Amino acid sequence: MAQFTTRVVLHNADWKNYEALHGYMQSAGFKRTITSDDGTTYHLPDAEYDYSGTATRAQVLEKAKAAAARTGKTYSVLVTESSGRTWSGLTKV
């Protein structure tokens, strides 16, 4: 199963727009958390999402774009496929 980190930036948006985005991204299968190898779950930074599945980078990009478009705002999206992730300073759930 592939893992992806996706960053979505809404242009000229406020927190209410991002709250809507979070719901749309969740409906598309994205999470706002990440789980370490030891099973500990952490919050991702604002506007970053985790996606795990059999999708390709292009498919994940299309899912994220569709979710972002639902906000009515212009947006930028970056999708990174991962073979492993390491982090520091993230808050535990």
PDB file of N, CA and C in Angstrom:
ATOM      1  N   MET A   1       0.848  -1.177   0.000  1.00  0.00           N
ATOM      2  CA  MET A   1       0.000   0.000   0.000  1.00  0.00           C
ATOM      3  C   MET A   1       0.898   1.246   0.000  1.00  0.00           C
ATOM      4  N   ALA A   2       0.619   2.181  -0.866  1.00  0.00           N
ATOM      5  CA  ALA A   2       1.406   3.408  -0.968  1.00  0.00           C
ATOM      6  C   ALA A   2       0.940   4.433   0.068  1.00  0.00           C
ATOM      7  N   GLN A   3       1.880   5.270   0.487  1.00  0.00           N
ATOM      8  CA  GLN A   3       1.574   6.351   1.429  1.00  0.00           C
ATOM      9  C   GLN A   3       1.928   7.672   0.765  1.00  0.00           C
ATOM     10  N   PHE A   4       1.073   8.672   0.987  1.00  0.00           N
ATOM     11  CA  PHE A   4       1.245   9.983   0.375  1.00  0.00           C
ATOM     12  C   PHE A   4       1.068  11.077   1.420  1.00  0.00           C
ATOM     13  N   THR A   5       1.884  12.092   1.330  1.00  0.00           N
ATOM     14  CA  THR A   5       1.685  13.316   2.097  1.00  0.00           C
ATOM     15  C   THR A   5       1.216  14.364   1.099  1.00  0.00           C
ATOM     16  N   THR A   6       0.130  15.025   1.422  1.00  0.00           N
ATOM     17  CA  THR A   6      -0.466  16.008   0.519  1.00  0.00           C
ATOM     18  C   THR A   6      -0.629  17.329   1.238  1.00  0.00           C
ATOM     19  N   ARG A   7      -0.167  18.387   0.607  1.00  0.00           N
ATOM     20  CA  ARG A   7      -0.314  19.740   1.152  1.00  0.00           C
ATOM     21  C   ARG A   7      -1.274  20.498   0.261  1.00  0.00           C
ATOM     22  N   VAL A   8      -2.259  21.137   0.870  1.00  0.00           N
ATOM     23  CA  VAL A   8      -3.235  21.941   0.141  1.00  0.00           C
ATOM     24  C   VAL A   8      -3.220  23.345   0.727  1.00  0.00           C
ATOM     25  N   VAL A   9      -3.008  24.328  -0.119  1.00  0.00           N
ATOM     26  CA  VAL A   9      -3.065  25.724   0.296  1.00  0.00           C
ATOM     27  C   VAL A   9      -4.233  26.373  -0.429  1.00  0.00           C
ATOM     28  N   LEU A  10      -5.152  26.933   0.333  1.00  0.00           N
ATOM     29  CA  LEU A  10      -6.261  27.687  -0.237  1.00  0.00           C
ATOM     30  C   LEU A  10      -5.851  29.154  -0.304  1.00  0.00           C
ATOM     31  N   HIS A  11      -6.067  29.781  -1.445  1.00  0.00           N
ATOM     32  CA  HIS A  11      -5.679  31.180  -1.623  1.00  0.00           C
ATOM     33  C   HIS A  11      -6.811  32.092  -1.149  1.00  0.00           C
ATOM     34  N   ASN A  12      -6.436  33.173  -0.482  1.00  0.00           N
ATOM     35  CA  ASN A  12      -7.403  34.154   0.037  1.00  0.00           C
ATOM     36  C   ASN A  12      -8.496  33.481   0.856  1.00  0.00           C
ATOM     37  N   ALA A  13      -8.077  32.574   1.732  1.00  0.00           N
ATOM     38  CA  ALA A  13      -9.018  31.791   2.525  1.00  0.00           C
ATOM     39  C   ALA A  13      -8.917  32.161   3.999  1.00  0.00           C
ATOM     40  N   ASP A  14      -9.979  31.867   4.720  1.00  0.00           N
ATOM     41  CA  ASP A  14      -9.970  32.034   6.169  1.00  0.00           C
ATOM     42  C   ASP A  14     -10.122  30.650   6.816  1.00  0.00           C
ATOM     43  N   TRP A  15     -10.142  30.649   8.146  1.00  0.00           N
ATOM     44  CA  TRP A  15     -10.195  29.375   8.858  1.00  0.00           C
ATOM     45  C   TRP A  15     -11.456  28.587   8.510  1.00  0.00           C
ATOM     46  N   LYS A  16     -12.558  29.276   8.285  1.00  0.00           N
ATOM     47  CA  LYS A  16     -13.813  28.607   7.941  1.00  0.00           C
ATOM     48  C   LYS A  16     -13.654  27.811   6.637  1.00  0.00           C
ATOM     49  N   ASN A  17     -12.926  28.371   5.666  1.00  0.00           N
ATOM     50  CA  ASN A  17     -12.668  27.655   4.414  1.00  0.00           C
ATOM     51  C   ASN A  17     -11.843  26.403   4.666  1.00  0.00           C
ATOM     52  N   TYR A  18     -10.855  26.518   5.566  1.00  0.00           N
ATOM     53  CA  TYR A  18     -10.021  25.353   5.874  1.00  0.00           C
ATOM     54  C   TYR A  18     -10.805  24.291   6.638  1.00  0.00           C
ATOM     55  N   GLU A  19     -11.712  24.710   7.493  1.00  0.00           N
ATOM     56  CA  GLU A  19     -12.547  23.726   8.188  1.00  0.00           C
ATOM     57  C   GLU A  19     -13.376  22.938   7.178  1.00  0.00           C
ATOM     58  N   ALA A  20     -13.911  23.618   6.178  1.00  0.00           N
ATOM     59  CA  ALA A  20     -14.660  22.940   5.122  1.00  0.00           C
ATOM     60  C   ALA A  20     -13.732  21.995   4.356  1.00  0.00           C
ATOM     61  N   LEU A  21     -12.533  22.474   4.030  1.00  0.00           N
ATOM     62  CA  LEU A  21     -11.568  21.636   3.319  1.00  0.00           C
ATOM     63  C   LEU A  21     -11.274  20.363   4.090  1.00  0.00           C
ATOM     64  N   HIS A  22     -11.077  20.477   5.393  1.00  0.00           N
ATOM     65  CA  HIS A  22     -10.781  19.294   6.204  1.00  0.00           C
ATOM     66  C   HIS A  22     -11.885  18.245   6.033  1.00  0.00           C
ATOM     67  N   GLY A  23     -13.120  18.668   6.047  1.00  0.00           N
ATOM     68  CA  GLY A  23     -14.234  17.732   5.870  1.00  0.00           C
ATOM     69  C   GLY A  23     -14.241  17.107   4.486  1.00  0.00           C
ATOM     70  N   TYR A  24     -13.983  17.912   3.467  1.00  0.00           N
ATOM     71  CA  TYR A  24     -13.959  17.397   2.097  1.00  0.00           C
ATOM     72  C   TYR A  24     -12.799  16.427   1.907  1.00  0.00           C
ATOM     73  N   MET A  25     -11.661  16.742   2.478  1.00  0.00           N
ATOM     74  CA  MET A  25     -10.503  15.849   2.361  1.00  0.00           C
ATOM     75  C   MET A  25     -10.782  14.531   3.094  1.00  0.00           C
ATOM     76  N   GLN A  26     -11.375  14.612   4.263  1.00  0.00           N
ATOM     77  CA  GLN A  26     -11.706  13.396   5.009  1.00  0.00           C
ATOM     78  C   GLN A  26     -12.666  12.524   4.199  1.00  0.00           C
ATOM     79  N   SER A  27     -13.649  13.144   3.579  1.00  0.00           N
ATOM     80  CA  SER A  27     -14.601  12.389   2.756  1.00  0.00           C
ATOM     81  C   SER A  27     -13.917  11.694   1.583  1.00  0.00           C
ATOM     82  N   ALA A  28     -12.787  12.258   1.135  1.00  0.00           N
ATOM     83  CA  ALA A  28     -12.034  11.689   0.009  1.00  0.00           C
ATOM     84  C   ALA A  28     -11.003  10.661   0.472  1.00  0.00           C
ATOM     85  N   GLY A  29     -10.950  10.386   1.782  1.00  0.00           N
ATOM     86  CA  GLY A  29     -10.053   9.353   2.297  1.00  0.00           C
ATOM     87  C   GLY A  29      -8.752   9.852   2.898  1.00  0.00           C
ATOM     88  N   PHE A  30      -8.604  11.167   3.057  1.00  0.00           N
ATOM     89  CA  PHE A  30      -7.394  11.743   3.646  1.00  0.00           C
ATOM     90  C   PHE A  30      -7.557  11.866   5.162  1.00  0.00           C
ATOM     91  N   LYS A  31      -6.437  11.769   5.865  1.00  0.00           N
ATOM     92  CA  LYS A  31      -6.419  11.950   7.320  1.00  0.00           C
ATOM     93  C   LYS A  31      -5.524  13.134   7.660  1.00  0.00           C
ATOM     94  N   ARG A  32      -5.773  13.736   8.808  1.00  0.00           N
ATOM     95  CA  ARG A  32      -4.944  14.838   9.288  1.00  0.00           C
ATOM     96  C   ARG A  32      -3.957  14.364  10.347  1.00  0.00           C
ATOM     97  N   THR A  33      -3.792  13.060  10.428  1.00  0.00           N
ATOM     98  CA  THR A  33      -2.875  12.461  11.396  1.00  0.00           C
ATOM     99  C   THR A  33      -1.940  11.502  10.679  1.00  0.00           C
ATOM    100  N   ILE A  34      -0.889  11.126  11.386  1.00  0.00           N
ATOM    101  CA  ILE A  34       0.076  10.150  10.884  1.00  0.00           C
ATOM    102  C   ILE A  34       0.434   9.234  12.056  1.00  0.00           C
ATOM    103  N   THR A  35       0.677   7.970  11.771  1.00  0.00           N
ATOM    104  CA  THR A  35       0.968   7.008  12.827  1.00  0.00           C
ATOM    105  C   THR A  35       2.389   6.477  12.664  1.00  0.00           C
ATOM    106  N   SER A  36       3.125   6.473  13.763  1.00  0.00           N
ATOM    107  CA  SER A  36       4.511   5.998  13.743  1.00  0.00           C
ATOM    108  C   SER A  36       4.551   4.475  13.757  1.00  0.00           C
ATOM    109  N   ASP A  37       5.743   3.938  13.544  1.00  0.00           N
ATOM    110  CA  ASP A  37       5.925   2.490  13.543  1.00  0.00           C
ATOM    111  C   ASP A  37       5.547   1.857  14.876  1.00  0.00           C
ATOM    112  N   ASP A  38       5.635   2.625  15.972  1.00  0.00           N
ATOM    113  CA  ASP A  38       5.282   2.067  17.285  1.00  0.00           C
ATOM    114  C   ASP A  38       3.796   2.235  17.610  1.00  0.00           C
ATOM    115  N   GLY A  39       3.022   2.744  16.637  1.00  0.00           N
ATOM    116  CA  GLY A  39       1.574   2.864  16.820  1.00  0.00           C
ATOM    117  C   GLY A  39       1.113   4.189  17.399  1.00  0.00           C
ATOM    118  N   THR A  40       2.026   5.108  17.685  1.00  0.00           N
ATOM    119  CA  THR A  40       1.645   6.417  18.212  1.00  0.00           C
ATOM    120  C   THR A  40       1.139   7.292  17.069  1.00  0.00           C
ATOM    121  N   THR A  41       0.022   7.964  17.292  1.00  0.00           N
ATOM    122  CA  THR A  41      -0.574   8.825  16.269  1.00  0.00           C
ATOM    123  C   THR A  41      -0.278  10.287  16.589  1.00  0.00           C
ATOM    124  N   TYR A  42       0.058  11.041  15.544  1.00  0.00           N
ATOM    125  CA  TYR A  42       0.421  12.452  15.665  1.00  0.00           C
ATOM    126  C   TYR A  42      -0.421  13.297  14.725  1.00  0.00           C
ATOM    127  N   HIS A  43      -0.664  14.556  15.122  1.00  0.00           N
ATOM    128  CA  HIS A  43      -1.325  15.522  14.252  1.00  0.00           C
ATOM    129  C   HIS A  43      -0.323  16.006  13.213  1.00  0.00           C
ATOM    130  N   LEU A  44      -0.751  16.086  11.963  1.00  0.00           N
ATOM    131  CA  LEU A  44       0.080  16.678  10.919  1.00  0.00           C
ATOM    132  C   LEU A  44       0.002  18.202  11.010  1.00  0.00           C
ATOM    133  N   PRO A  45       0.982  18.905  10.464  1.00  0.00           N
ATOM    134  CA  PRO A  45       0.887  20.371  10.416  1.00  0.00           C
ATOM    135  C   PRO A  45      -0.369  20.805   9.655  1.00  0.00           C
ATOM    136  N   ASP A  46      -0.818  22.015   9.921  1.00  0.00           N
ATOM    137  CA  ASP A  46      -2.001  22.548   9.242  1.00  0.00           C
ATOM    138  C   ASP A  46      -1.860  22.415   7.730  1.00  0.00           C
ATOM    139  N   ALA A  47      -2.953  22.053   7.084  1.00  0.00           N
ATOM    140  CA  ALA A  47      -3.064  21.959   5.625  1.00  0.00           C
ATOM    141  C   ALA A  47      -2.265  20.803   5.031  1.00  0.00           C
ATOM    142  N   GLU A  48      -1.828  19.856   5.868  1.00  0.00           N
ATOM    143  CA  GLU A  48      -1.166  18.650   5.367  1.00  0.00           C
ATOM    144  C   GLU A  48      -2.029  17.446   5.716  1.00  0.00           C
ATOM    145  N   TYR A  49      -2.011  16.482   4.798  1.00  0.00           N
ATOM    146  CA  TYR A  49      -2.879  15.326   4.918  1.00  0.00           C
ATOM    147  C   TYR A  49      -2.114  14.062   4.571  1.00  0.00           C
ATOM    148  N   ASP A  50      -2.576  12.956   5.134  1.00  0.00           N
ATOM    149  CA  ASP A  50      -2.016  11.636   4.838  1.00  0.00           C
ATOM    150  C   ASP A  50      -3.035  10.852   4.040  1.00  0.00           C
ATOM    151  N   TYR A  51      -2.556  10.140   3.030  1.00  0.00           N
ATOM    152  CA  TYR A  51      -3.414   9.241   2.263  1.00  0.00           C
ATOM    153  C   TYR A  51      -2.668   7.931   2.092  1.00  0.00           C
ATOM    154  N   SER A  52      -3.311   6.822   2.415  1.00  0.00           N
ATOM    155  CA  SER A  52      -2.739   5.496   2.222  1.00  0.00           C
ATOM    156  C   SER A  52      -3.693   4.691   1.363  1.00  0.00           C
ATOM    157  N   GLY A  53      -3.152   4.009   0.356  1.00  0.00           N
ATOM    158  CA  GLY A  53      -4.006   3.201  -0.497  1.00  0.00           C
ATOM    159  C   GLY A  53      -3.272   2.732  -1.733  1.00  0.00           C
ATOM    160  N   THR A  54      -4.027   2.211  -2.668  1.00  0.00           N
ATOM    161  CA  THR A  54      -3.447   1.680  -3.895  1.00  0.00           C
ATOM    162  C   THR A  54      -3.454   2.702  -5.024  1.00  0.00           C
ATOM    163  N   ALA A  55      -3.802   3.933  -4.738  1.00  0.00           N
ATOM    164  CA  ALA A  55      -3.872   4.988  -5.752  1.00  0.00           C
ATOM    165  C   ALA A  55      -2.474   5.399  -6.216  1.00  0.00           C
ATOM    166  N   THR A  56      -2.426   6.041  -7.371  1.00  0.00           N
ATOM    167  CA  THR A  56      -1.187   6.631  -7.882  1.00  0.00           C
ATOM    168  C   THR A  56      -1.091   8.068  -7.394  1.00  0.00           C
ATOM    169  N   ARG A  57       0.089   8.687  -7.568  1.00  0.00           N
ATOM    170  CA  ARG A  57       0.232  10.100  -7.221  1.00  0.00           C
ATOM    171  C   ARG A  57      -0.786  10.945  -7.980  1.00  0.00           C
ATOM    172  N   ALA A  58      -0.963  10.652  -9.249  1.00  0.00           N
ATOM    173  CA  ALA A  58      -1.911  11.416 -10.068  1.00  0.00           C
ATOM    174  C   ALA A  58      -3.341  11.274  -9.542  1.00  0.00           C
ATOM    175  N   GLN A  59      -3.715  10.081  -9.115  1.00  0.00           N
ATOM    176  CA  GLN A  59      -5.058   9.869  -8.571  1.00  0.00           C
ATOM    177  C   GLN A  59      -5.245  10.593  -7.247  1.00  0.00           C
ATOM    178  N   VAL A  60      -4.215  10.572  -6.410  1.00  0.00           N
ATOM    179  CA  VAL A  60      -4.288  11.294  -5.134  1.00  0.00           C
ATOM    180  C   VAL A  60      -4.397  12.793  -5.402  1.00  0.00           C
ATOM    181  N   LEU A  61      -3.635  13.283  -6.369  1.00  0.00           N
ATOM    182  CA  LEU A  61      -3.709  14.696  -6.742  1.00  0.00           C
ATOM    183  C   LEU A  61      -5.130  15.058  -7.171  1.00  0.00           C
ATOM    184  N   GLU A  62      -5.738  14.236  -8.001  1.00  0.00           N
ATOM    185  CA  GLU A  62      -7.102  14.526  -8.461  1.00  0.00           C
ATOM    186  C   GLU A  62      -8.094  14.520  -7.309  1.00  0.00           C
ATOM    187  N   LYS A  63      -7.935  13.604  -6.364  1.00  0.00           N
ATOM    188  CA  LYS A  63      -8.812  13.568  -5.184  1.00  0.00           C
ATOM    189  C   LYS A  63      -8.670  14.857  -4.373  1.00  0.00           C
ATOM    190  N   ALA A  64      -7.424  15.279  -4.161  1.00  0.00           N
ATOM    191  CA  ALA A  64      -7.179  16.493  -3.379  1.00  0.00           C
ATOM    192  C   ALA A  64      -7.698  17.732  -4.110  1.00  0.00           C
ATOM    193  N   LYS A  65      -7.480  17.805  -5.414  1.00  0.00           N
ATOM    194  CA  LYS A  65      -7.975  18.940  -6.193  1.00  0.00           C
ATOM    195  C   LYS A  65      -9.497  19.021  -6.142  1.00  0.00           C
ATOM    196  N   ALA A  66     -10.165  17.878  -6.240  1.00  0.00           N
ATOM    197  CA  ALA A  66     -11.625  17.863  -6.183  1.00  0.00           C
ATOM    198  C   ALA A  66     -12.118  18.365  -4.829  1.00  0.00           C
ATOM    199  N   ALA A  67     -11.447  17.942  -3.761  1.00  0.00           N
ATOM    200  CA  ALA A  67     -11.827  18.396  -2.418  1.00  0.00           C
ATOM    201  C   ALA A  67     -11.591  19.894  -2.272  1.00  0.00           C
ATOM    202  N   ALA A  68     -10.431  20.371  -2.731  1.00  0.00           N
ATOM    203  CA  ALA A  68     -10.106  21.802  -2.629  1.00  0.00           C
ATOM    204  C   ALA A  68     -11.075  22.640  -3.454  1.00  0.00           C
ATOM    205  N   ALA A  69     -11.438  22.169  -4.623  1.00  0.00           N
ATOM    206  CA  ALA A  69     -12.358  22.917  -5.493  1.00  0.00           C
ATOM    207  C   ALA A  69     -13.721  23.112  -4.833  1.00  0.00           C
ATOM    208  N   ARG A  70     -14.118  22.169  -3.997  1.00  0.00           N
ATOM    209  CA  ARG A  70     -15.419  22.269  -3.312  1.00  0.00           C
ATOM    210  C   ARG A  70     -15.484  23.470  -2.382  1.00  0.00           C
ATOM    211  N   THR A  71     -14.332  24.027  -1.979  1.00  0.00           N
ATOM    212  CA  THR A  71     -14.331  25.197  -1.101  1.00  0.00           C
ATOM    213  C   THR A  71     -14.680  26.473  -1.851  1.00  0.00           C
ATOM    214  N   GLY A  72     -14.577  26.444  -3.180  1.00  0.00           N
ATOM    215  CA  GLY A  72     -14.831  27.641  -3.974  1.00  0.00           C
ATOM    216  C   GLY A  72     -13.636  28.582  -4.043  1.00  0.00           C
ATOM    217  N   LYS A  73     -12.520  28.195  -3.449  1.00  0.00           N
ATOM    218  CA  LYS A  73     -11.309  29.014  -3.442  1.00  0.00           C
ATOM    219  C   LYS A  73     -10.328  28.493  -4.483  1.00  0.00           C
ATOM    220  N   THR A  74      -9.437  29.356  -4.945  1.00  0.00           N
ATOM    221  CA  THR A  74      -8.334  28.855  -5.752  1.00  0.00           C
ATOM    222  C   THR A  74      -7.368  28.177  -4.793  1.00  0.00           C
ATOM    223  N   TYR A  75      -6.527  27.288  -5.322  1.00  0.00           N
ATOM    224  CA  TYR A  75      -5.720  26.468  -4.429  1.00  0.00           C
ATOM    225  C   TYR A  75      -4.451  26.011  -5.121  1.00  0.00           C
ATOM    226  N   SER A  76      -3.519  25.548  -4.300  1.00  0.00           N
ATOM    227  CA  SER A  76      -2.304  24.865  -4.741  1.00  0.00           C
ATOM    228  C   SER A  76      -2.250  23.540  -4.011  1.00  0.00           C
ATOM    229  N   VAL A  77      -1.781  22.485  -4.706  1.00  0.00           N
ATOM    230  CA  VAL A  77      -1.712  21.152  -4.117  1.00  0.00           C
ATOM    231  C   VAL A  77      -0.363  20.531  -4.467  1.00  0.00           C
ATOM    232  N   LEU A  78       0.263  19.914  -3.471  1.00  0.00           N
ATOM    233  CA  LEU A  78       1.502  19.164  -3.670  1.00  0.00           C
ATOM    234  C   LEU A  78       1.302  17.772  -3.085  1.00  0.00           C
ATOM    235  N   VAL A  79       1.559  16.742  -3.880  1.00  0.00           N
ATOM    236  CA  VAL A  79       1.441  15.357  -3.431  1.00  0.00           C
ATOM    237  C   VAL A  79       2.821  14.714  -3.496  1.00  0.00           C
ATOM    238  N   THR A  80       3.227  14.087  -2.400  1.00  0.00           N
ATOM    239  CA  THR A  80       4.502  13.380  -2.336  1.00  0.00           C
ATOM    240  C   THR A  80       4.238  11.937  -1.949  1.00  0.00           C
ATOM    241  N   GLU A  81       4.722  11.005  -2.764  1.00  0.00           N
ATOM    242  CA  GLU A  81       4.613   9.588  -2.426  1.00  0.00           C
ATOM    243  C   GLU A  81       5.813   9.221  -1.578  1.00  0.00           C
ATOM    244  N   SER A  82       5.583   8.411  -0.558  1.00  0.00           N
ATOM    245  CA  SER A  82       6.625   8.130   0.416  1.00  0.00           C
ATOM    246  C   SER A  82       6.959   6.652   0.507  1.00  0.00           C
ATOM    247  N   SER A  83       8.249   6.380   0.677  1.00  0.00           N
ATOM    248  CA  SER A  83       8.664   5.013   1.001  1.00  0.00           C
ATOM    249  C   SER A  83       9.024   4.924   2.479  1.00  0.00           C
ATOM    250  N   GLY A  84       8.880   6.029   3.181  1.00  0.00           N
ATOM    251  CA  GLY A  84       9.133   6.106   4.618  1.00  0.00           C
ATOM    252  C   GLY A  84       9.143   7.554   5.035  1.00  0.00           C
ATOM    253  N   ARG A  85       8.713   7.844   6.262  1.00  0.00           N
ATOM    254  CA  ARG A  85       8.659   9.225   6.741  1.00  0.00           C
ATOM    255  C   ARG A  85       9.242   9.299   8.143  1.00  0.00           C
ATOM    256  N   THR A  86       9.897  10.387   8.397  1.00  0.00           N
ATOM    257  CA  THR A  86      10.466  10.664   9.715  1.00  0.00           C
ATOM    258  C   THR A  86      10.069  12.080  10.089  1.00  0.00           C
ATOM    259  N   TRP A  87       9.796  12.322  11.381  1.00  0.00           N
ATOM    260  CA  TRP A  87       9.379  13.655  11.787  1.00  0.00           C
ATOM    261  C   TRP A  87       9.828  13.949  13.197  1.00  0.00           C
ATOM    262  N   SER A  88       9.673  15.219  13.541  1.00  0.00           N
ATOM    263  CA  SER A  88      10.017  15.678  14.885  1.00  0.00           C
ATOM    264  C   SER A  88       9.088  16.826  15.247  1.00  0.00           C
ATOM    265  N   GLY A  89       8.699  16.899  16.496  1.00  0.00           N
ATOM    266  CA  GLY A  89       7.934  18.025  16.989  1.00  0.00           C
ATOM    267  C   GLY A  89       6.442  17.981  16.715  1.00  0.00           C
ATOM    268  N   LEU A  90       5.943  16.900  16.133  1.00  0.00           N
ATOM    269  CA  LEU A  90       4.505  16.809  15.916  1.00  0.00           C
ATOM    270  C   LEU A  90       3.822  16.482  17.243  1.00  0.00           C
ATOM    271  N   THR A  91       2.613  16.996  17.407  1.00  0.00           N
ATOM    272  CA  THR A  91       1.860  16.796  18.634  1.00  0.00           C
ATOM    273  C   THR A  91       1.154  15.448  18.605  1.00  0.00           C
ATOM    274  N   LYS A  92       1.261  14.704  19.713  1.00  0.00           N
ATOM    275  CA  LYS A  92       0.560  13.422  19.813  1.00  0.00           C
ATOM    276  C   LYS A  92      -0.939  13.668  19.888  1.00  0.00           C
ATOM    277  N   VAL A  93      -1.678  12.742  19.310  1.00  0.00           N
ATOM    278  CA  VAL A  93      -3.154  12.818  19.364  1.00  0.00           C
ATOM    279  C   VAL A  93      -3.593  12.410  20.745  1.00  0.00           C
TER     280      VAL A  93
END
